[in-house]
Amino acid sequence: IEKQRVRNAVEKIYADLGMARSQAIKANRPQFFSLNPGAAWCYGIDDTALCDCGTAGDCTVEGGPRVTDATDFGNTTLATTLNPAAIVFEPRRGLPQDAAGNPLGGSITVTSAGGLSAQVQMSVIGRLSICSNANQLGYSACP
């Protein structure tokens, strides 16, 4: 169960990052991906501005809520090397940037209470990959 929770969480993050990037290109407008790391983690996607996933109704895409939180993946924590913990996907090529327009890359790591972890890595050109430490969860080992 613990392995599946980590796998589900990291695959959901991977899918949502890819969706936000694709939507930026398709809609020809920026998409905003905001993270609140920690034990009570959450993230949200918004099509108008950076949002707070901890505030009800703040993160929306085309009027519908777009928030994912730790309650869906019991006993996991989220950490990130993104600083600040927010991504703006620009509309021309879907490149990840910070709020000031600087290229942004990094990782988002999900860890279980038992120490299993996996991470989504994002390059400055928006390429996404999933890896895990010591091949714990069936993904390639993180560099």
N, C-alpha and C. Protein backbone atom coordinates (compact mmCIF):
# COMPACT_ATOMS: atom_id res chain seq x y z
N ILE A 1 0.83 -1.19 0.00
CA ILE A 1 0.00 0.00 0.00
C ILE A 1 0.87 1.25 0.00
N GLU A 2 1.93 1.21 0.81
CA GLU A 2 2.83 2.36 0.91
C GLU A 2 3.48 2.65 -0.44
N LYS A 3 3.96 1.62 -1.12
CA LYS A 3 4.57 1.80 -2.45
C LYS A 3 3.56 2.41 -3.42
N GLN A 4 2.34 1.89 -3.38
CA GLN A 4 1.33 2.36 -4.32
C GLN A 4 0.97 3.82 -4.07
N ARG A 5 0.93 4.22 -2.81
CA ARG A 5 0.63 5.63 -2.50
C ARG A 5 1.68 6.56 -3.08
N VAL A 6 2.96 6.20 -2.91
CA VAL A 6 4.04 7.03 -3.44
C VAL A 6 3.98 7.04 -4.97
N ARG A 7 3.80 5.87 -5.56
CA ARG A 7 3.71 5.78 -7.03
C ARG A 7 2.54 6.61 -7.56
N ASN A 8 1.38 6.48 -6.93
CA ASN A 8 0.20 7.24 -7.37
C ASN A 8 0.44 8.74 -7.26
N ALA A 9 1.02 9.18 -6.16
CA ALA A 9 1.27 10.61 -5.95
C ALA A 9 2.24 11.16 -6.98
N VAL A 10 3.36 10.47 -7.19
CA VAL A 10 4.38 10.99 -8.11
C VAL A 10 3.87 10.94 -9.56
N GLU A 11 3.09 9.93 -9.90
CA GLU A 11 2.54 9.86 -11.25
C GLU A 11 1.46 10.92 -11.48
N LYS A 12 0.71 11.27 -10.44
CA LYS A 12 -0.28 12.35 -10.54
C LYS A 12 0.42 13.69 -10.75
N ILE A 13 1.48 13.93 -10.01
CA ILE A 13 2.25 15.17 -10.17
C ILE A 13 2.83 15.24 -11.58
N TYR A 14 3.41 14.15 -12.04
CA TYR A 14 3.98 14.07 -13.40
C TYR A 14 2.91 14.40 -14.44
N ALA A 15 1.75 13.78 -14.32
CA ALA A 15 0.66 14.00 -15.29
C ALA A 15 0.16 15.44 -15.25
N ASP A 16 0.02 16.00 -14.05
CA ASP A 16 -0.49 17.36 -13.94
C ASP A 16 0.51 18.40 -14.43
N LEU A 17 1.81 18.17 -14.21
CA LEU A 17 2.81 19.07 -14.78
C LEU A 17 2.76 19.04 -16.30
N GLY A 18 2.65 17.84 -16.86
CA GLY A 18 2.55 17.71 -18.31
C GLY A 18 1.30 18.36 -18.86
N MET A 19 0.19 18.20 -18.15
CA MET A 19 -1.07 18.81 -18.57
C MET A 19 -0.97 20.33 -18.54
N ALA A 20 -0.39 20.88 -17.48
CA ALA A 20 -0.26 22.34 -17.38
C ALA A 20 0.62 22.88 -18.51
N ARG A 21 1.69 22.17 -18.81
CA ARG A 21 2.58 22.60 -19.90
C ARG A 21 1.85 22.55 -21.24
N SER A 22 1.15 21.46 -21.50
CA SER A 22 0.40 21.32 -22.76
C SER A 22 -0.70 22.36 -22.87
N GLN A 23 -1.38 22.62 -21.77
CA GLN A 23 -2.47 23.59 -21.77
C GLN A 23 -1.96 25.01 -22.05
N ALA A 24 -0.75 25.33 -21.56
CA ALA A 24 -0.17 26.65 -21.83
C ALA A 24 0.01 26.85 -23.33
N ILE A 25 0.51 25.81 -23.99
CA ILE A 25 0.73 25.90 -25.44
C ILE A 25 -0.60 25.93 -26.18
N LYS A 26 -1.49 25.03 -25.81
CA LYS A 26 -2.79 24.91 -26.49
C LYS A 26 -3.64 26.18 -26.37
N ALA A 27 -3.72 26.72 -25.15
CA ALA A 27 -4.54 27.90 -24.90
C ALA A 27 -3.81 29.20 -25.23
N ASN A 28 -2.51 29.10 -25.50
CA ASN A 28 -1.68 30.27 -25.79
C ASN A 28 -1.74 31.31 -24.67
N ARG A 29 -1.69 30.79 -23.44
CA ARG A 29 -1.59 31.67 -22.27
C ARG A 29 -0.90 30.90 -21.15
N PRO A 30 -0.21 31.61 -20.27
CA PRO A 30 0.54 30.93 -19.21
C PRO A 30 -0.36 30.08 -18.32
N GLN A 31 0.23 29.02 -17.78
CA GLN A 31 -0.42 28.19 -16.76
C GLN A 31 0.48 28.23 -15.54
N PHE A 32 -0.14 28.30 -14.39
CA PHE A 32 0.58 28.49 -13.13
C PHE A 32 0.42 27.26 -12.25
N PHE A 33 1.54 26.71 -11.77
CA PHE A 33 1.57 25.50 -10.95
C PHE A 33 2.19 25.88 -9.62
N SER A 34 1.40 25.89 -8.55
CA SER A 34 1.86 26.33 -7.23
C SER A 34 1.89 25.16 -6.26
N LEU A 35 2.99 25.05 -5.49
CA LEU A 35 3.18 23.95 -4.54
C LEU A 35 3.28 24.46 -3.11
N ASN A 36 2.72 23.71 -2.18
CA ASN A 36 2.93 23.92 -0.75
C ASN A 36 3.51 22.62 -0.22
N PRO A 37 4.85 22.50 -0.11
CA PRO A 37 5.46 21.26 0.34
C PRO A 37 5.26 21.01 1.84
N GLY A 38 5.65 19.82 2.29
CA GLY A 38 5.55 19.46 3.70
C GLY A 38 4.70 18.23 3.90
N ALA A 39 4.28 18.00 5.15
CA ALA A 39 3.46 16.83 5.47
C ALA A 39 2.02 17.02 5.02
N ALA A 40 1.51 18.23 5.12
CA ALA A 40 0.14 18.53 4.68
C ALA A 40 0.20 19.22 3.31
N TRP A 41 0.92 18.60 2.39
CA TRP A 41 1.21 19.20 1.09
C TRP A 41 -0.02 19.30 0.20
N CYS A 42 0.12 20.23 -0.74
CA CYS A 42 -0.88 20.36 -1.79
C CYS A 42 -0.24 21.09 -2.96
N TYR A 43 -0.89 21.00 -4.11
CA TYR A 43 -0.50 21.82 -5.25
C TYR A 43 -1.74 22.17 -6.04
N GLY A 44 -1.65 23.28 -6.74
CA GLY A 44 -2.78 23.73 -7.53
C GLY A 44 -2.33 24.29 -8.86
N ILE A 45 -3.23 24.23 -9.82
CA ILE A 45 -2.97 24.78 -11.15
C ILE A 45 -4.00 25.87 -11.40
N ASP A 46 -3.54 26.97 -11.97
CA ASP A 46 -4.44 28.09 -12.26
C ASP A 46 -4.10 28.64 -13.64
N ASP A 47 -5.11 29.14 -14.34
CA ASP A 47 -4.86 29.68 -15.69
C ASP A 47 -4.82 31.20 -15.73
N THR A 48 -4.81 31.86 -14.54
CA THR A 48 -4.72 33.32 -14.54
C THR A 48 -3.57 33.86 -13.70
N ALA A 49 -3.20 33.18 -12.61
CA ALA A 49 -2.15 33.69 -11.72
C ALA A 49 -1.70 32.59 -10.78
N LEU A 50 -0.58 32.85 -10.08
CA LEU A 50 -0.17 31.92 -9.03
C LEU A 50 -1.28 31.86 -7.99
N CYS A 51 -1.48 30.69 -7.40
CA CYS A 51 -2.59 30.52 -6.47
C CYS A 51 -2.11 29.83 -5.19
N ASP A 52 -2.99 29.79 -4.20
CA ASP A 52 -2.71 29.12 -2.93
C ASP A 52 -3.63 27.90 -2.85
N CYS A 53 -3.06 26.71 -2.97
CA CYS A 53 -3.87 25.50 -2.96
C CYS A 53 -4.53 25.25 -1.60
N GLY A 54 -4.08 25.93 -0.57
CA GLY A 54 -4.70 25.81 0.74
C GLY A 54 -5.93 26.67 0.91
N THR A 55 -6.20 27.53 -0.05
CA THR A 55 -7.37 28.40 0.00
C THR A 55 -8.42 27.87 -0.98
N ALA A 56 -9.58 27.52 -0.45
CA ALA A 56 -10.64 26.94 -1.27
C ALA A 56 -11.01 27.87 -2.43
N GLY A 57 -11.06 27.31 -3.62
CA GLY A 57 -11.48 28.06 -4.80
C GLY A 57 -10.43 28.95 -5.43
N ASP A 58 -9.20 28.97 -4.88
CA ASP A 58 -8.18 29.87 -5.40
C ASP A 58 -7.51 29.32 -6.67
N CYS A 59 -7.37 28.01 -6.79
CA CYS A 59 -6.70 27.40 -7.93
C CYS A 59 -7.75 26.80 -8.87
N THR A 60 -7.93 27.44 -10.02
CA THR A 60 -8.94 26.97 -10.98
C THR A 60 -8.40 27.04 -12.40
N VAL A 61 -8.88 26.14 -13.23
CA VAL A 61 -8.59 26.15 -14.66
C VAL A 61 -9.94 26.14 -15.36
N GLU A 62 -10.16 27.15 -16.19
CA GLU A 62 -11.42 27.32 -16.90
C GLU A 62 -12.62 27.24 -15.94
N GLY A 63 -12.45 27.83 -14.75
CA GLY A 63 -13.52 27.92 -13.78
C GLY A 63 -13.68 26.73 -12.85
N GLY A 64 -13.00 25.62 -13.14
CA GLY A 64 -13.11 24.43 -12.30
C GLY A 64 -11.92 24.29 -11.37
N PRO A 65 -12.11 23.75 -10.17
CA PRO A 65 -11.01 23.60 -9.22
C PRO A 65 -9.95 22.63 -9.72
N ARG A 66 -8.68 22.95 -9.46
CA ARG A 66 -7.56 22.09 -9.86
C ARG A 66 -6.57 22.01 -8.71
N VAL A 67 -6.94 21.26 -7.66
CA VAL A 67 -6.10 21.12 -6.48
C VAL A 67 -5.94 19.64 -6.17
N THR A 68 -4.73 19.26 -5.80
CA THR A 68 -4.43 17.91 -5.33
C THR A 68 -3.73 18.07 -3.99
N ASP A 69 -4.09 17.22 -3.02
CA ASP A 69 -3.44 17.34 -1.71
C ASP A 69 -3.09 15.99 -1.11
N ALA A 70 -2.37 16.04 0.01
CA ALA A 70 -1.84 14.85 0.66
C ALA A 70 -2.92 13.89 1.13
N THR A 71 -4.12 14.37 1.37
CA THR A 71 -5.18 13.48 1.87
C THR A 71 -5.50 12.38 0.86
N ASP A 72 -5.22 12.62 -0.42
CA ASP A 72 -5.45 11.61 -1.43
C ASP A 72 -4.38 10.51 -1.43
N PHE A 73 -3.27 10.74 -0.73
CA PHE A 73 -2.12 9.83 -0.77
C PHE A 73 -1.55 9.59 0.63
N GLY A 74 -2.40 9.34 1.62
CA GLY A 74 -2.08 9.19 3.04
C GLY A 74 -0.64 8.94 3.43
N ASN A 75 -0.20 9.60 4.45
CA ASN A 75 1.14 9.45 5.05
C ASN A 75 2.29 9.65 4.09
N THR A 76 2.18 10.64 3.23
CA THR A 76 3.30 11.00 2.36
C THR A 76 3.66 12.46 2.61
N THR A 77 4.90 12.79 2.33
CA THR A 77 5.33 14.19 2.41
C THR A 77 5.86 14.60 1.04
N LEU A 78 5.87 15.89 0.80
CA LEU A 78 6.34 16.42 -0.47
C LEU A 78 7.45 17.42 -0.20
N ALA A 79 8.51 17.32 -0.97
CA ALA A 79 9.61 18.29 -0.90
C ALA A 79 9.95 18.70 -2.33
N THR A 80 10.54 19.87 -2.48
CA THR A 80 10.90 20.33 -3.82
C THR A 80 12.19 21.12 -3.79
N THR A 81 12.92 21.06 -4.89
CA THR A 81 14.12 21.90 -5.04
C THR A 81 13.77 23.18 -5.78
N LEU A 82 12.52 23.32 -6.20
CA LEU A 82 12.09 24.54 -6.88
C LEU A 82 12.04 25.68 -5.87
N ASN A 83 12.66 26.78 -6.19
CA ASN A 83 12.66 27.91 -5.29
C ASN A 83 12.41 29.19 -6.08
N PRO A 84 11.27 29.82 -5.92
CA PRO A 84 10.16 29.46 -5.05
C PRO A 84 9.41 28.25 -5.62
N ALA A 85 8.52 27.70 -4.81
CA ALA A 85 7.80 26.48 -5.17
C ALA A 85 6.62 26.81 -6.09
N ALA A 86 6.92 27.42 -7.21
CA ALA A 86 5.88 27.80 -8.18
C ALA A 86 6.48 27.79 -9.58
N ILE A 87 5.69 27.33 -10.53
CA ILE A 87 6.14 27.24 -11.91
C ILE A 87 5.15 27.99 -12.79
N VAL A 88 5.68 28.77 -13.72
CA VAL A 88 4.85 29.40 -14.74
C VAL A 88 5.26 28.77 -16.06
N PHE A 89 4.33 28.08 -16.71
CA PHE A 89 4.61 27.53 -18.03
C PHE A 89 4.23 28.59 -19.06
N GLU A 90 5.25 29.07 -19.80
CA GLU A 90 4.99 30.13 -20.78
C GLU A 90 4.27 29.54 -21.99
N PRO A 91 3.47 30.35 -22.69
CA PRO A 91 2.61 29.81 -23.74
C PRO A 91 3.27 29.46 -25.07
N ARG A 92 4.39 30.05 -25.37
CA ARG A 92 4.98 29.83 -26.70
C ARG A 92 5.49 28.41 -26.88
N ARG A 93 6.30 27.94 -25.92
CA ARG A 93 6.87 26.59 -26.02
C ARG A 93 6.63 25.77 -24.77
N GLY A 94 5.89 26.32 -23.81
CA GLY A 94 5.62 25.61 -22.57
C GLY A 94 6.82 25.47 -21.66
N LEU A 95 7.75 26.40 -21.77
CA LEU A 95 8.96 26.33 -20.94
C LEU A 95 8.63 26.71 -19.50
N PRO A 96 9.19 25.99 -18.52
CA PRO A 96 8.96 26.34 -17.12
C PRO A 96 9.82 27.53 -16.71
N GLN A 97 9.19 28.48 -16.03
CA GLN A 97 9.87 29.69 -15.57
C GLN A 97 9.44 30.02 -14.16
N ASP A 98 10.22 30.89 -13.50
CA ASP A 98 9.76 31.43 -12.23
C ASP A 98 8.88 32.65 -12.54
N ALA A 99 8.34 33.28 -11.52
CA ALA A 99 7.42 34.40 -11.72
C ALA A 99 8.08 35.59 -12.44
N ALA A 100 9.41 35.68 -12.38
CA ALA A 100 10.12 36.78 -13.03
C ALA A 100 10.49 36.44 -14.48
N GLY A 101 10.17 35.24 -14.95
CA GLY A 101 10.46 34.85 -16.32
C GLY A 101 11.80 34.16 -16.51
N ASN A 102 12.48 33.80 -15.42
CA ASN A 102 13.76 33.10 -15.50
C ASN A 102 13.54 31.60 -15.69
N PRO A 103 14.39 30.93 -16.48
CA PRO A 103 14.25 29.48 -16.66
C PRO A 103 14.26 28.75 -15.32
N LEU A 104 13.46 27.70 -15.23
CA LEU A 104 13.31 27.00 -13.95
C LEU A 104 13.34 25.50 -14.18
N GLY A 105 14.11 24.81 -13.39
CA GLY A 105 14.16 23.35 -13.40
C GLY A 105 14.36 22.88 -11.98
N GLY A 106 14.05 21.63 -11.72
CA GLY A 106 14.23 21.10 -10.38
C GLY A 106 13.47 19.80 -10.21
N SER A 107 13.23 19.44 -8.96
CA SER A 107 12.55 18.18 -8.70
C SER A 107 11.50 18.34 -7.61
N ILE A 108 10.54 17.43 -7.65
CA ILE A 108 9.50 17.34 -6.63
C ILE A 108 9.55 15.90 -6.12
N THR A 109 9.77 15.72 -4.83
CA THR A 109 9.95 14.40 -4.24
C THR A 109 8.81 14.07 -3.31
N VAL A 110 8.26 12.85 -3.47
CA VAL A 110 7.23 12.33 -2.58
C VAL A 110 7.87 11.21 -1.77
N THR A 111 7.70 11.28 -0.44
CA THR A 111 8.29 10.28 0.45
C THR A 111 7.22 9.73 1.38
N SER A 112 7.26 8.42 1.58
CA SER A 112 6.30 7.78 2.49
C SER A 112 6.84 7.81 3.92
N ALA A 113 5.98 7.48 4.88
CA ALA A 113 6.38 7.43 6.28
C ALA A 113 7.48 6.39 6.49
N GLY A 114 7.48 5.34 5.68
CA GLY A 114 8.49 4.28 5.78
C GLY A 114 9.77 4.56 5.03
N GLY A 115 9.87 5.73 4.39
CA GLY A 115 11.11 6.13 3.72
C GLY A 115 11.18 5.82 2.23
N LEU A 116 10.14 5.27 1.64
CA LEU A 116 10.14 5.08 0.19
C LEU A 116 9.96 6.43 -0.48
N SER A 117 10.69 6.68 -1.55
CA SER A 117 10.54 7.97 -2.21
C SER A 117 10.71 7.84 -3.72
N ALA A 118 10.08 8.77 -4.39
CA ALA A 118 10.22 8.90 -5.85
C ALA A 118 10.12 10.37 -6.15
N GLN A 119 10.68 10.75 -7.29
CA GLN A 119 10.64 12.17 -7.63
C GLN A 119 10.36 12.39 -9.11
N VAL A 120 9.73 13.53 -9.35
CA VAL A 120 9.55 14.02 -10.71
C VAL A 120 10.65 15.05 -10.92
N GLN A 121 11.42 14.85 -11.97
CA GLN A 121 12.46 15.80 -12.32
C GLN A 121 12.01 16.57 -13.55
N MET A 122 12.24 17.88 -13.52
CA MET A 122 11.85 18.75 -14.62
C MET A 122 13.06 19.56 -15.06
N SER A 123 13.40 19.45 -16.34
CA SER A 123 14.53 20.22 -16.87
C SER A 123 14.07 21.63 -17.21
N VAL A 124 15.01 22.50 -17.50
CA VAL A 124 14.67 23.89 -17.83
C VAL A 124 13.96 24.00 -19.18
N ILE A 125 13.93 22.93 -19.96
CA ILE A 125 13.17 22.96 -21.21
C ILE A 125 11.83 22.23 -21.05
N GLY A 126 11.50 21.85 -19.82
CA GLY A 126 10.21 21.26 -19.55
C GLY A 126 10.14 19.75 -19.66
N ARG A 127 11.24 19.10 -19.92
CA ARG A 127 11.25 17.63 -20.01
C ARG A 127 11.05 17.05 -18.62
N LEU A 128 10.11 16.10 -18.52
CA LEU A 128 9.76 15.48 -17.24
C LEU A 128 10.22 14.03 -17.21
N SER A 129 10.64 13.58 -16.03
CA SER A 129 10.98 12.17 -15.83
C SER A 129 10.69 11.81 -14.38
N ILE A 130 10.50 10.53 -14.14
CA ILE A 130 10.29 10.01 -12.78
C ILE A 130 11.43 9.08 -12.45
N CYS A 131 11.95 9.18 -11.24
CA CYS A 131 12.99 8.28 -10.77
C CYS A 131 12.77 7.99 -9.29
N SER A 132 13.47 6.98 -8.79
CA SER A 132 13.39 6.65 -7.36
C SER A 132 14.77 6.26 -6.87
N ASN A 133 14.98 6.37 -5.58
CA ASN A 133 16.27 6.01 -5.00
C ASN A 133 16.40 4.49 -4.95
N ALA A 134 17.54 4.01 -5.37
CA ALA A 134 17.88 2.59 -5.33
C ALA A 134 16.82 1.73 -6.03
N ASN A 135 16.16 2.29 -7.05
CA ASN A 135 15.18 1.54 -7.82
C ASN A 135 14.09 0.92 -6.93
N GLN A 136 13.69 1.65 -5.88
CA GLN A 136 12.74 1.13 -4.90
C GLN A 136 11.36 0.86 -5.48
N LEU A 137 10.94 1.65 -6.43
CA LEU A 137 9.55 1.60 -6.87
C LEU A 137 9.39 1.22 -8.34
N GLY A 138 10.43 0.68 -8.94
CA GLY A 138 10.33 0.26 -10.32
C GLY A 138 10.71 1.33 -11.33
N TYR A 139 11.12 2.50 -10.87
CA TYR A 139 11.61 3.57 -11.75
C TYR A 139 13.12 3.49 -11.79
N SER A 140 13.71 4.11 -12.78
CA SER A 140 15.17 4.15 -12.83
C SER A 140 15.70 4.93 -11.63
N ALA A 141 16.94 4.67 -11.29
CA ALA A 141 17.56 5.33 -10.13
C ALA A 141 17.78 6.81 -10.43
N CYS A 142 17.55 7.64 -9.44
CA CYS A 142 17.78 9.08 -9.59
C CYS A 142 19.27 9.34 -9.70
N PRO A 143 19.63 10.29 -10.56
CA PRO A 143 21.07 10.61 -10.71
C PRO A 143 21.62 11.27 -9.47
